[in-house]
Amino acid sequence: MMPPAEGSGNGIKVFSFDVDGTLVSQGFADAVWLQGIPKAYAEKEGMSFEQAFEFVKSEYEKIGENRIEWYKIDYWLRKFGLEIPYEQLFKKYECEIKIYDEVESVLEVLKDEGYELIISSNAATEFIDFQTQPIRKFFSHVFSATSDFGEVKKSNNFYAQVCEILRVKPQEVVHTGDHWVFDFINPRKIGINAYYLDRNGNAKADEKEKKNEIKVKNEEFVISDFNGLLDVFVR
């Protein structure tokens, strides 16, 4: 059993979760951006999917993930002249949404234990809402760094604002996500109890320590699925 995070037990009020790679797989988002949009563009321009894919990908790269437009699907639909609502595109790839197996049962346990559950994601609100419909009932708030705060990444400031809105101290929050910097390092910098979700077992302590100057002891805050949270805070 892993050691409880500092301030756990009655001191924890809120559990926060990332979305892509945490609550749901990356498949839906990839299908929309890398299949749906290129395919629609190919049909509009009368070109092959391969040609459209290369063009669309190059346009993505020109903007880059450090600009807010990168995350706005309406921006890209307008840019490529695609006269289809994003809802239609989402519906087409709905079958690609996969909520990880243990997610709902763990959320239910945490909810029953009296914790407040929230979503804290970098994804745009449209993507969050569509992918989390089956489990939306568990969450009191949904926070999107890009849609709600105009930030391209989940910074220290993003987490601080979330705590302020919820009127809780960082030490009263547990956040879980699959990005080492944006879901683990940044929230921990302001005092949030963060857990790094490594579903595929790809985390390497030596790489983390080299890149982020984090001691190997923080491996105790690496979990392979949500059941790791129950081991600490419930069981």
Protein backbone atom coordinates (compact mmCIF):
# COMPACT_ATOMS: atom_id res chain seq x y z
CA MET A 1 0.00 0.00 0.00
CA MET A 2 1.30 3.44 -0.91
CA PRO A 3 1.72 6.05 1.81
CA PRO A 4 -1.09 8.63 2.00
CA ALA A 5 -0.37 12.07 0.61
CA GLU A 6 0.27 14.81 3.11
CA GLY A 7 -3.02 16.25 4.27
CA SER A 8 -5.07 13.18 3.31
CA GLY A 9 -7.98 11.79 5.29
CA ASN A 10 -10.35 14.45 6.57
CA GLY A 11 -8.03 17.15 5.20
CA ILE A 12 -8.88 16.31 1.59
CA LYS A 13 -12.05 17.84 0.20
CA VAL A 14 -11.69 17.69 -3.59
CA PHE A 15 -10.49 15.13 -6.12
CA SER A 16 -9.53 16.60 -9.49
CA PHE A 17 -9.03 14.65 -12.72
CA ASP A 18 -7.55 15.24 -16.15
CA VAL A 19 -9.55 13.89 -19.13
CA ASP A 20 -7.62 12.55 -22.15
CA GLY A 21 -5.43 9.66 -21.10
CA THR A 22 -6.90 9.79 -17.59
CA LEU A 23 -10.69 9.44 -17.62
CA VAL A 24 -10.90 8.50 -21.31
CA SER A 25 -8.48 7.21 -23.91
CA GLN A 26 -6.91 9.49 -26.51
CA GLY A 27 -8.72 7.69 -29.34
CA PHE A 28 -11.66 10.05 -29.80
CA ALA A 29 -9.60 13.26 -29.92
CA ASP A 30 -7.12 11.67 -32.33
CA ALA A 31 -9.95 10.48 -34.57
CA VAL A 32 -11.51 13.95 -34.78
CA TRP A 33 -8.26 15.83 -35.44
CA LEU A 34 -6.39 13.27 -37.55
CA GLN A 35 -9.21 11.50 -39.39
CA GLY A 36 -12.38 13.57 -39.34
CA ILE A 37 -11.02 16.94 -40.34
CA PRO A 38 -8.60 15.66 -43.02
CA LYS A 39 -11.32 13.44 -44.49
CA ALA A 40 -13.81 16.32 -44.65
CA TYR A 41 -11.18 18.54 -46.24
CA ALA A 42 -10.30 15.83 -48.81
CA GLU A 43 -13.96 15.55 -49.82
CA LYS A 44 -14.32 19.32 -50.07
CA GLU A 45 -11.20 19.79 -52.21
CA GLY A 46 -11.47 16.59 -54.24
CA MET A 47 -8.11 15.24 -53.16
CA SER A 48 -6.91 12.02 -51.58
CA PHE A 49 -7.05 11.55 -47.84
CA GLU A 50 -3.26 11.29 -47.75
CA GLN A 51 -2.84 14.66 -49.45
CA ALA A 52 -5.42 16.27 -47.19
CA PHE A 53 -3.85 14.73 -44.10
CA GLU A 54 -0.41 16.14 -44.93
CA PHE A 55 -1.85 19.58 -45.64
CA VAL A 56 -4.00 19.68 -42.48
CA LYS A 57 -1.13 18.41 -40.36
CA SER A 58 1.19 21.09 -41.75
CA GLU A 59 -1.39 23.76 -40.90
CA TYR A 60 -1.66 22.42 -37.36
CA GLU A 61 2.11 22.64 -37.04
CA LYS A 62 2.18 26.25 -38.27
CA ILE A 63 -0.04 27.26 -35.36
CA GLY A 64 1.53 24.99 -32.76
CA GLU A 65 0.31 23.97 -29.34
CA ASN A 66 1.53 27.18 -27.70
CA ARG A 67 -1.21 29.22 -29.36
CA ILE A 68 -4.80 29.08 -28.13
CA GLU A 69 -6.15 28.53 -31.67
CA TRP A 70 -4.58 25.06 -31.63
CA TYR A 71 -7.30 23.88 -29.23
CA LYS A 72 -10.34 25.53 -30.84
CA ILE A 73 -12.15 23.23 -33.24
CA ASP A 74 -14.38 26.03 -34.59
CA TYR A 75 -11.23 27.90 -35.60
CA TRP A 76 -10.02 24.95 -37.66
CA LEU A 77 -13.38 24.27 -39.26
CA ARG A 78 -13.49 27.90 -40.42
CA LYS A 79 -9.86 27.87 -41.51
CA PHE A 80 -10.39 24.84 -43.75
CA GLY A 81 -13.75 26.10 -44.99
CA LEU A 82 -15.61 23.09 -43.63
CA GLU A 83 -19.30 23.89 -43.32
CA ILE A 84 -20.09 21.21 -40.78
CA PRO A 85 -20.86 21.78 -37.11
CA TYR A 86 -18.38 20.23 -34.72
CA GLU A 87 -21.26 18.30 -33.11
CA GLN A 88 -21.73 16.40 -36.38
CA LEU A 89 -18.06 15.57 -36.49
CA PHE A 90 -18.09 14.45 -32.86
CA LYS A 91 -21.11 12.22 -33.42
CA LYS A 92 -19.38 10.49 -36.30
CA TYR A 93 -16.53 9.38 -34.04
CA GLU A 94 -18.51 8.79 -30.86
CA CYS A 95 -17.68 5.10 -31.09
CA GLU A 96 -14.03 5.97 -30.41
CA ILE A 97 -14.81 7.22 -26.89
CA LYS A 98 -13.49 4.78 -24.31
CA ILE A 99 -13.86 5.48 -20.62
CA TYR A 100 -11.28 3.41 -18.80
CA ASP A 101 -12.70 0.33 -17.11
CA GLU A 102 -12.19 1.21 -13.45
CA VAL A 103 -13.09 4.90 -13.71
CA GLU A 104 -16.82 4.83 -12.94
CA SER A 105 -16.56 2.44 -9.99
CA VAL A 106 -13.74 4.45 -8.38
CA LEU A 107 -15.55 7.75 -8.91
CA GLU A 108 -18.62 6.27 -7.29
CA VAL A 109 -16.64 5.20 -4.24
CA LEU A 110 -14.99 8.60 -3.86
CA LYS A 111 -18.35 10.33 -4.26
CA ASP A 112 -19.91 8.06 -1.64
CA GLU A 113 -17.04 8.89 0.71
CA GLY A 114 -18.13 12.52 0.57
CA TYR A 115 -15.40 13.97 -1.64
CA GLU A 116 -16.20 16.63 -4.24
CA LEU A 117 -15.09 15.55 -7.71
CA ILE A 118 -14.06 17.96 -10.47
CA ILE A 119 -12.48 17.88 -13.93
CA SER A 120 -9.36 19.96 -14.57
CA SER A 121 -8.32 19.57 -18.20
CA ASN A 122 -6.36 21.27 -20.91
CA ALA A 123 -8.90 20.12 -23.50
CA ALA A 124 -11.54 22.49 -24.84
CA THR A 125 -14.92 22.36 -23.11
CA GLU A 126 -16.60 20.90 -26.21
CA PHE A 127 -14.33 17.85 -26.12
CA ILE A 128 -14.63 17.42 -22.36
CA ASP A 129 -18.42 17.61 -22.32
CA PHE A 130 -18.93 15.21 -25.22
CA GLN A 131 -16.51 12.55 -23.97
CA THR A 132 -17.56 12.56 -20.33
CA GLN A 133 -21.35 12.47 -20.74
CA PRO A 134 -21.73 8.99 -19.19
CA ILE A 135 -19.83 10.03 -16.04
CA ARG A 136 -20.69 13.72 -15.89
CA LYS A 137 -23.04 13.10 -12.95
CA PHE A 138 -20.06 12.54 -10.66
CA PHE A 139 -18.54 15.99 -11.17
CA SER A 140 -19.60 19.27 -9.60
CA HIS A 141 -17.38 21.46 -11.80
CA VAL A 142 -15.56 21.21 -15.13
CA PHE A 143 -12.55 23.46 -15.67
CA SER A 144 -10.87 23.85 -19.07
CA ALA A 145 -7.55 25.70 -19.11
CA THR A 146 -8.06 26.69 -22.73
CA SER A 147 -11.78 27.48 -22.78
CA ASP A 148 -12.23 28.95 -19.30
CA PHE A 149 -8.91 30.66 -18.61
CA GLY A 150 -7.36 31.21 -22.04
CA GLU A 151 -4.24 29.26 -21.06
CA VAL A 152 -2.60 26.83 -23.45
CA LYS A 153 -1.30 24.62 -20.64
CA LYS A 154 -2.29 23.79 -17.08
CA SER A 155 0.00 26.19 -15.25
CA ASN A 156 0.45 26.85 -11.54
CA ASN A 157 -1.90 29.80 -12.03
CA PHE A 158 -4.59 27.57 -13.52
CA TYR A 159 -4.63 25.34 -10.45
CA ALA A 160 -4.51 28.34 -8.12
CA GLN A 161 -7.58 29.82 -9.83
CA VAL A 162 -9.44 26.51 -9.57
CA CYS A 163 -8.74 26.39 -5.82
CA GLU A 164 -9.87 29.99 -5.45
CA ILE A 165 -13.14 29.34 -7.28
CA LEU A 166 -13.82 26.26 -5.15
CA ARG A 167 -12.74 28.12 -2.00
CA VAL A 168 -10.37 25.37 -0.93
CA LYS A 169 -6.69 25.32 -0.05
CA PRO A 170 -4.33 23.51 -2.46
CA GLN A 171 -3.52 21.08 0.35
CA GLU A 172 -7.19 20.05 0.37
CA VAL A 173 -7.08 18.93 -3.28
CA VAL A 174 -5.87 15.72 -4.92
CA HIS A 175 -5.23 15.92 -8.67
CA THR A 176 -4.60 12.96 -10.98
CA GLY A 177 -3.50 13.05 -14.60
CA ASP A 178 -1.20 11.49 -17.17
CA HIS A 179 1.14 14.40 -17.95
CA TRP A 180 4.26 14.54 -15.79
CA VAL A 181 4.59 18.34 -15.90
CA PHE A 182 1.03 19.64 -16.26
CA ASP A 183 -0.66 17.07 -14.02
CA PHE A 184 2.07 16.36 -11.48
CA ILE A 185 4.85 18.96 -11.26
CA ASN A 186 2.73 22.10 -11.67
CA PRO A 187 -0.04 21.28 -9.18
CA ARG A 188 2.50 20.08 -6.62
CA LYS A 189 4.33 23.39 -6.87
CA ILE A 190 1.38 25.15 -5.25
CA GLY A 191 0.76 22.43 -2.66
CA ILE A 192 -1.81 20.20 -4.37
CA ASN A 193 -1.49 16.47 -3.65
CA ALA A 194 -0.83 15.27 -7.21
CA TYR A 195 -0.62 11.73 -8.50
CA TYR A 196 0.91 10.83 -11.85
CA LEU A 197 -1.18 8.28 -13.76
CA ASP A 198 1.04 5.92 -15.75
CA ARG A 199 -1.42 3.49 -17.30
CA ASN A 200 1.09 1.92 -19.67
CA GLY A 201 3.97 1.59 -17.23
CA ASN A 202 6.19 3.79 -19.38
CA ALA A 203 7.38 6.10 -16.61
CA LYS A 204 11.12 5.99 -16.01
CA ALA A 205 12.35 7.49 -12.79
CA ASP A 206 15.76 8.34 -14.18
CA GLU A 207 14.26 10.30 -17.08
CA LYS A 208 11.92 12.18 -14.79
CA GLU A 209 14.70 13.05 -12.39
CA LYS A 210 16.96 14.25 -15.19
CA LYS A 211 14.31 16.37 -16.93
CA ASN A 212 12.51 17.74 -13.92
CA GLU A 213 14.99 17.44 -11.05
CA ILE A 214 12.52 15.31 -9.14
CA LYS A 215 13.83 12.78 -6.64
CA VAL A 216 13.11 9.10 -7.19
CA LYS A 217 11.13 9.05 -3.93
CA ASN A 218 8.26 10.67 -5.81
CA GLU A 219 7.70 7.32 -7.52
CA GLU A 220 5.37 6.59 -4.60
CA PHE A 221 2.98 9.07 -6.19
CA VAL A 222 2.86 7.18 -9.50
CA ILE A 223 -0.24 5.00 -9.96
CA SER A 224 -1.21 2.62 -12.77
CA ASP A 225 -4.97 3.17 -12.52
CA PHE A 226 -7.57 4.88 -10.33
CA ASN A 227 -7.61 2.01 -7.85
CA GLY A 228 -4.31 3.39 -6.60
CA LEU A 229 -6.24 6.36 -5.20
CA LEU A 230 -8.52 4.06 -3.23
CA ASP A 231 -5.50 2.30 -1.76
CA VAL A 232 -4.42 5.62 -0.29
CA PHE A 233 -7.62 7.45 0.60
CA VAL A 234 -10.30 4.82 1.18
CA ARG A 235 -9.09 1.30 1.89
